[in-house]
N, C-alpha and C. Protein backbone atom coordinates (compact mmCIF):
# COMPACT_ATOMS: atom_id res chain seq x y z
N MET A 1 0.83 -1.17 0.00
CA MET A 1 0.00 0.00 0.00
C MET A 1 0.88 1.25 0.00
N ILE A 2 0.51 2.22 -0.83
CA ILE A 2 1.29 3.45 -0.97
C ILE A 2 0.75 4.48 0.01
N SER A 3 1.64 5.09 0.70
CA SER A 3 1.25 6.12 1.66
C SER A 3 0.76 7.36 0.92
N THR A 4 -0.32 7.96 1.43
CA THR A 4 -0.85 9.16 0.80
C THR A 4 0.10 10.34 0.95
N LYS A 5 0.93 10.31 1.98
CA LYS A 5 1.91 11.38 2.18
C LYS A 5 2.97 11.33 1.08
N ARG A 6 3.36 10.10 0.68
CA ARG A 6 4.38 9.96 -0.37
C ARG A 6 3.86 10.43 -1.72
N VAL A 7 2.60 10.29 -1.99
CA VAL A 7 2.01 10.70 -3.26
C VAL A 7 1.65 12.18 -3.22
N ALA A 8 1.15 12.62 -2.11
CA ALA A 8 0.66 13.99 -1.99
C ALA A 8 1.79 15.01 -2.12
N LEU A 9 2.95 14.74 -1.57
CA LEU A 9 4.06 15.70 -1.61
C LEU A 9 4.52 16.00 -3.03
N PRO A 10 4.82 14.99 -3.88
CA PRO A 10 5.21 15.31 -5.26
C PRO A 10 4.10 16.00 -6.06
N VAL A 11 2.84 15.60 -5.81
CA VAL A 11 1.72 16.22 -6.52
C VAL A 11 1.61 17.68 -6.12
N LEU A 12 1.69 17.99 -4.84
CA LEU A 12 1.62 19.37 -4.38
C LEU A 12 2.80 20.18 -4.90
N LEU A 13 3.97 19.59 -4.93
CA LEU A 13 5.15 20.27 -5.44
C LEU A 13 4.97 20.62 -6.92
N PHE A 14 4.48 19.67 -7.72
CA PHE A 14 4.24 19.89 -9.14
C PHE A 14 3.21 21.00 -9.36
N VAL A 15 2.10 20.93 -8.61
CA VAL A 15 1.03 21.92 -8.75
C VAL A 15 1.55 23.30 -8.36
N GLY A 16 2.36 23.39 -7.32
CA GLY A 16 2.90 24.68 -6.87
C GLY A 16 3.84 25.29 -7.90
N VAL A 17 4.72 24.46 -8.47
CA VAL A 17 5.67 24.96 -9.48
C VAL A 17 4.92 25.37 -10.74
N ALA A 18 3.99 24.55 -11.20
CA ALA A 18 3.24 24.86 -12.41
C ALA A 18 2.43 26.13 -12.23
N GLY A 19 1.82 26.29 -11.07
CA GLY A 19 1.04 27.49 -10.80
C GLY A 19 1.92 28.73 -10.74
N GLY A 20 3.10 28.58 -10.17
CA GLY A 20 4.03 29.71 -10.09
C GLY A 20 4.51 30.14 -11.47
N LEU A 21 4.79 29.16 -12.33
CA LEU A 21 5.23 29.49 -13.68
C LEU A 21 4.11 30.15 -14.48
N ALA A 22 2.90 29.69 -14.29
CA ALA A 22 1.77 30.28 -15.01
C ALA A 22 1.56 31.73 -14.57
N ALA A 23 1.84 32.03 -13.33
CA ALA A 23 1.65 33.38 -12.80
C ALA A 23 2.71 34.34 -13.34
N CYS A 24 3.81 33.82 -13.88
CA CYS A 24 4.89 34.67 -14.40
C CYS A 24 4.56 35.26 -15.75
N GLY A 25 3.57 34.74 -16.45
CA GLY A 25 3.23 35.23 -17.78
C GLY A 25 2.63 36.62 -17.72
N ASP A 26 2.67 37.33 -18.85
CA ASP A 26 2.10 38.66 -18.94
C ASP A 26 0.78 38.55 -19.66
N ASP A 27 -0.31 38.88 -18.97
CA ASP A 27 -1.64 38.78 -19.58
C ASP A 27 -2.10 40.11 -20.15
N GLY A 28 -1.23 41.13 -20.10
CA GLY A 28 -1.60 42.45 -20.61
C GLY A 28 -1.65 42.48 -22.12
N PRO A 29 -2.15 43.59 -22.68
CA PRO A 29 -2.24 43.69 -24.14
C PRO A 29 -0.84 43.74 -24.75
N GLU A 30 -0.71 43.12 -25.90
CA GLU A 30 0.59 43.09 -26.58
C GLU A 30 0.84 44.43 -27.24
N THR A 31 2.01 45.02 -27.02
CA THR A 31 2.37 46.30 -27.60
C THR A 31 3.11 46.05 -28.90
N PRO A 32 2.63 46.60 -30.01
CA PRO A 32 3.34 46.37 -31.28
C PRO A 32 4.68 47.09 -31.28
N PRO A 33 5.66 46.57 -32.02
CA PRO A 33 6.96 47.23 -32.07
C PRO A 33 6.84 48.59 -32.74
N THR A 34 7.67 49.53 -32.27
CA THR A 34 7.67 50.87 -32.82
C THR A 34 8.55 50.88 -34.07
N THR A 35 8.01 51.41 -35.15
CA THR A 35 8.79 51.52 -36.38
C THR A 35 8.67 52.93 -36.93
N VAL A 36 9.65 53.32 -37.70
CA VAL A 36 9.61 54.63 -38.34
C VAL A 36 9.01 54.45 -39.73
N PRO A 37 7.98 55.20 -40.06
CA PRO A 37 7.40 55.07 -41.40
C PRO A 37 8.46 55.36 -42.47
N ALA A 38 8.39 54.65 -43.57
CA ALA A 38 9.39 54.76 -44.62
C ALA A 38 9.52 56.18 -45.15
N GLU A 39 8.42 56.93 -45.22
CA GLU A 39 8.50 58.27 -45.79
C GLU A 39 9.23 59.26 -44.89
N THR A 40 9.37 58.96 -43.59
CA THR A 40 10.08 59.89 -42.70
C THR A 40 11.52 59.45 -42.43
N ALA A 41 11.87 58.23 -42.81
CA ALA A 41 13.24 57.77 -42.60
C ALA A 41 14.16 58.46 -43.60
N PRO A 42 15.37 58.86 -43.15
CA PRO A 42 16.28 59.52 -44.09
C PRO A 42 16.72 58.55 -45.18
N ALA A 43 16.81 59.05 -46.38
CA ALA A 43 17.24 58.22 -47.50
C ALA A 43 18.74 58.00 -47.42
N PRO A 44 19.20 56.79 -47.79
CA PRO A 44 20.65 56.55 -47.77
C PRO A 44 21.32 57.43 -48.82
N THR A 45 22.52 57.87 -48.48
CA THR A 45 23.25 58.73 -49.40
C THR A 45 24.30 57.93 -50.14
N GLU A 46 24.48 58.26 -51.37
CA GLU A 46 25.50 57.62 -52.20
C GLU A 46 26.78 58.42 -52.09
N PRO A 47 27.93 57.75 -51.96
CA PRO A 47 29.17 58.50 -51.94
C PRO A 47 29.41 59.13 -53.31
N GLU A 48 30.02 60.32 -53.29
CA GLU A 48 30.30 61.00 -54.54
C GLU A 48 31.32 60.24 -55.34
N ALA A 49 31.05 60.11 -56.62
CA ALA A 49 32.01 59.44 -57.49
C ALA A 49 33.15 60.40 -57.79
N THR A 50 34.34 59.87 -57.82
CA THR A 50 35.49 60.71 -58.15
C THR A 50 35.91 60.45 -59.58
N GLU A 51 36.38 61.46 -60.21
CA GLU A 51 36.84 61.36 -61.58
C GLU A 51 38.29 60.93 -61.59
N PRO A 52 38.69 60.17 -62.62
CA PRO A 52 40.11 59.83 -62.73
C PRO A 52 40.93 61.10 -62.80
N GLY A 53 42.05 61.08 -62.10
CA GLY A 53 42.92 62.25 -62.10
C GLY A 53 42.65 63.20 -60.95
N ASP A 54 41.57 62.92 -60.15
CA ASP A 54 41.34 63.76 -58.98
C ASP A 54 42.53 63.67 -58.05
N ASP A 55 42.75 64.71 -57.27
CA ASP A 55 43.86 64.73 -56.33
C ASP A 55 43.64 63.67 -55.27
N ALA A 56 44.55 62.70 -55.16
CA ALA A 56 44.40 61.59 -54.21
C ALA A 56 44.51 62.06 -52.78
N GLY A 57 45.06 63.23 -52.54
CA GLY A 57 45.21 63.72 -51.18
C GLY A 57 44.11 64.64 -50.74
N SER A 58 43.04 64.79 -51.52
CA SER A 58 41.99 65.72 -51.14
C SER A 58 41.21 65.18 -49.96
N THR A 59 40.56 66.08 -49.24
CA THR A 59 39.83 65.71 -48.05
C THR A 59 38.76 64.67 -48.35
N GLY A 60 38.67 63.63 -47.51
CA GLY A 60 37.65 62.62 -47.65
C GLY A 60 38.10 61.38 -48.38
N ASP A 61 39.22 61.41 -49.08
CA ASP A 61 39.71 60.22 -49.78
C ASP A 61 40.36 59.28 -48.76
N LEU A 62 40.24 58.01 -49.04
CA LEU A 62 40.89 57.02 -48.17
C LEU A 62 42.38 56.99 -48.47
N PRO A 63 43.18 56.72 -47.45
CA PRO A 63 44.63 56.69 -47.67
C PRO A 63 45.04 55.44 -48.44
N THR A 64 46.10 55.58 -49.21
CA THR A 64 46.76 54.47 -49.86
C THR A 64 48.20 54.47 -49.39
N GLU A 65 48.93 53.41 -49.67
CA GLU A 65 50.34 53.38 -49.28
C GLU A 65 51.06 54.58 -49.91
N ALA A 66 50.74 54.90 -51.17
CA ALA A 66 51.41 56.00 -51.87
C ALA A 66 51.04 57.36 -51.27
N SER A 67 49.73 57.58 -51.01
CA SER A 67 49.33 58.88 -50.47
C SER A 67 49.78 59.04 -49.02
N ALA A 68 49.79 57.95 -48.26
CA ALA A 68 50.22 58.03 -46.86
C ALA A 68 51.72 58.26 -46.73
N ALA A 69 52.48 57.95 -47.79
CA ALA A 69 53.94 58.13 -47.74
C ALA A 69 54.32 59.58 -47.48
N ASP A 70 53.41 60.53 -47.74
CA ASP A 70 53.68 61.94 -47.46
C ASP A 70 53.86 62.20 -45.96
N LEU A 71 53.42 61.28 -45.11
CA LEU A 71 53.56 61.45 -43.66
C LEU A 71 54.98 61.11 -43.18
N VAL A 72 55.69 60.31 -43.97
CA VAL A 72 57.05 59.91 -43.60
C VAL A 72 57.95 61.15 -43.59
N GLY A 73 58.71 61.28 -42.50
CA GLY A 73 59.59 62.42 -42.34
C GLY A 73 59.02 63.51 -41.45
N LEU A 74 57.70 63.46 -41.21
CA LEU A 74 57.07 64.44 -40.32
C LEU A 74 57.20 63.98 -38.87
N THR A 75 57.10 64.93 -37.95
CA THR A 75 57.04 64.53 -36.55
C THR A 75 55.70 63.83 -36.33
N GLU A 76 55.61 63.08 -35.25
CA GLU A 76 54.37 62.36 -34.96
C GLU A 76 53.19 63.33 -34.88
N GLU A 77 53.38 64.46 -34.22
CA GLU A 77 52.31 65.45 -34.06
C GLU A 77 51.92 66.05 -35.41
N ASP A 78 52.91 66.39 -36.25
CA ASP A 78 52.62 66.97 -37.56
C ASP A 78 51.92 65.95 -38.46
N ALA A 79 52.32 64.69 -38.37
CA ALA A 79 51.68 63.64 -39.18
C ALA A 79 50.23 63.47 -38.76
N GLU A 80 49.95 63.51 -37.46
CA GLU A 80 48.57 63.39 -36.98
C GLU A 80 47.74 64.56 -37.47
N ALA A 81 48.30 65.78 -37.43
CA ALA A 81 47.57 66.96 -37.89
C ALA A 81 47.31 66.89 -39.39
N ALA A 82 48.32 66.49 -40.16
CA ALA A 82 48.15 66.39 -41.61
C ALA A 82 47.11 65.32 -41.96
N ALA A 83 47.16 64.20 -41.26
CA ALA A 83 46.20 63.12 -41.52
C ALA A 83 44.79 63.57 -41.16
N GLU A 84 44.65 64.29 -40.07
CA GLU A 84 43.33 64.76 -39.65
C GLU A 84 42.71 65.69 -40.69
N GLU A 85 43.53 66.53 -41.31
CA GLU A 85 43.02 67.42 -42.36
C GLU A 85 42.46 66.63 -43.55
N LEU A 86 42.98 65.43 -43.76
CA LEU A 86 42.54 64.59 -44.86
C LEU A 86 41.44 63.61 -44.45
N GLY A 87 41.03 63.67 -43.18
CA GLY A 87 40.01 62.76 -42.69
C GLY A 87 40.55 61.39 -42.32
N TRP A 88 41.85 61.30 -42.11
CA TRP A 88 42.50 60.05 -41.74
C TRP A 88 42.80 60.06 -40.25
N THR A 89 43.11 58.90 -39.71
CA THR A 89 43.65 58.80 -38.36
C THR A 89 45.00 58.11 -38.45
N VAL A 90 45.87 58.44 -37.50
CA VAL A 90 47.20 57.84 -37.44
C VAL A 90 47.29 57.01 -36.17
N ARG A 91 47.83 55.81 -36.30
CA ARG A 91 48.06 54.97 -35.13
C ARG A 91 49.51 54.49 -35.20
N VAL A 92 50.23 54.71 -34.10
CA VAL A 92 51.61 54.25 -34.01
C VAL A 92 51.58 52.78 -33.60
N THR A 93 52.08 51.91 -34.47
CA THR A 93 52.11 50.49 -34.17
C THR A 93 53.52 49.99 -33.89
N ARG A 94 54.50 50.85 -34.13
CA ARG A 94 55.89 50.51 -33.80
C ARG A 94 56.59 51.80 -33.39
N ARG A 95 57.17 51.80 -32.19
CA ARG A 95 57.86 52.99 -31.68
C ARG A 95 59.28 52.59 -31.27
N ASP A 96 60.25 53.28 -31.86
CA ASP A 96 61.67 53.06 -31.55
C ASP A 96 62.03 51.57 -31.63
N GLY A 97 61.53 50.91 -32.68
CA GLY A 97 61.86 49.51 -32.93
C GLY A 97 61.04 48.50 -32.16
N GLU A 98 60.15 48.94 -31.31
CA GLU A 98 59.33 48.03 -30.51
C GLU A 98 57.90 48.02 -31.03
N ASP A 99 57.39 46.82 -31.35
CA ASP A 99 56.00 46.69 -31.79
C ASP A 99 55.07 47.00 -30.63
N LEU A 100 54.00 47.73 -30.91
CA LEU A 100 53.03 48.10 -29.89
C LEU A 100 51.75 47.30 -30.10
N PRO A 101 50.99 47.05 -29.04
CA PRO A 101 49.72 46.33 -29.20
C PRO A 101 48.76 47.14 -30.06
N ALA A 102 48.00 46.45 -30.89
CA ALA A 102 47.01 47.11 -31.74
C ALA A 102 45.84 46.16 -31.95
N THR A 103 44.68 46.74 -32.05
CA THR A 103 43.49 45.93 -32.30
C THR A 103 43.50 45.46 -33.75
N MET A 104 42.71 44.43 -34.04
CA MET A 104 42.67 43.86 -35.38
C MET A 104 41.51 44.40 -36.21
N ASP A 105 40.78 45.39 -35.69
CA ASP A 105 39.67 45.94 -36.46
C ASP A 105 40.19 46.72 -37.66
N LEU A 106 39.43 46.71 -38.73
CA LEU A 106 39.83 47.39 -39.96
C LEU A 106 39.17 48.75 -40.02
N ARG A 107 39.98 49.78 -40.14
CA ARG A 107 39.50 51.15 -40.34
C ARG A 107 40.15 51.64 -41.62
N GLU A 108 39.35 51.81 -42.64
CA GLU A 108 39.90 52.15 -43.95
C GLU A 108 40.58 53.51 -43.98
N ASN A 109 40.26 54.39 -43.03
CA ASN A 109 40.87 55.71 -43.02
C ASN A 109 42.04 55.80 -42.03
N ARG A 110 42.52 54.67 -41.53
CA ARG A 110 43.60 54.69 -40.54
C ARG A 110 44.93 54.31 -41.20
N VAL A 111 45.96 55.07 -40.84
CA VAL A 111 47.32 54.81 -41.31
C VAL A 111 48.13 54.36 -40.10
N ASN A 112 48.68 53.15 -40.16
CA ASN A 112 49.54 52.64 -39.09
C ASN A 112 50.97 52.99 -39.44
N VAL A 113 51.65 53.63 -38.50
CA VAL A 113 53.00 54.13 -38.78
C VAL A 113 54.02 53.63 -37.78
N GLU A 114 55.28 53.73 -38.20
CA GLU A 114 56.41 53.48 -37.31
C GLU A 114 57.02 54.83 -36.98
N VAL A 115 57.32 55.03 -35.69
CA VAL A 115 57.90 56.29 -35.23
C VAL A 115 59.23 55.98 -34.55
N THR A 116 60.27 56.71 -34.96
CA THR A 116 61.59 56.58 -34.35
C THR A 116 62.04 57.97 -33.93
N ASP A 117 62.37 58.12 -32.66
CA ASP A 117 62.81 59.41 -32.12
C ASP A 117 61.83 60.53 -32.44
N GLY A 118 60.51 60.24 -32.36
CA GLY A 118 59.49 61.26 -32.55
C GLY A 118 59.16 61.57 -33.99
N GLU A 119 59.78 60.87 -34.95
CA GLU A 119 59.55 61.13 -36.38
C GLU A 119 58.96 59.89 -37.04
N VAL A 120 58.00 60.11 -37.92
CA VAL A 120 57.43 58.99 -38.68
C VAL A 120 58.47 58.53 -39.68
N THR A 121 58.87 57.26 -39.55
CA THR A 121 59.93 56.71 -40.39
C THR A 121 59.42 55.72 -41.42
N ALA A 122 58.20 55.20 -41.24
CA ALA A 122 57.67 54.24 -42.20
C ALA A 122 56.16 54.11 -42.03
N ILE A 123 55.52 53.76 -43.14
CA ILE A 123 54.10 53.40 -43.12
C ILE A 123 54.07 51.88 -42.97
N VAL A 124 53.48 51.41 -41.88
CA VAL A 124 53.41 49.96 -41.63
C VAL A 124 52.34 49.35 -42.54
N ASN A 125 51.13 49.94 -42.51
CA ASN A 125 50.05 49.50 -43.40
C ASN A 125 48.88 50.45 -43.26
N ILE A 126 47.86 50.21 -44.07
CA ILE A 126 46.64 51.00 -44.03
C ILE A 126 45.58 50.12 -43.37
N GLY A 127 44.84 50.66 -42.46
CA GLY A 127 43.76 49.91 -41.84
C GLY A 127 43.84 49.93 -40.38
């Protein structure tokens, strides 16, 4: 014969847990997600096309190894200022022969440089 206490305890435990879980639900009205109507959303902009022969160093152009070479020979501060005028950023990845920690994220407007005695001595890479 099975004791009623042995059966009643698991049944009560199950009913209590199930009732508690049911009480956790939200019975309120469902709120629809907020969206911006298409007519008020800003339209995406197309980048301006450049003509062949445009000045590669003009503001807004991405750096290349050739265009970034103009930073070599400048002091670190002057190179940063010159790069900023072109919309670029400069990151020192090697200083006085020692490699410095750098993130692996790609930034198309970033020029990684080597600096020796406060002067940019080489372009390490773009990105």
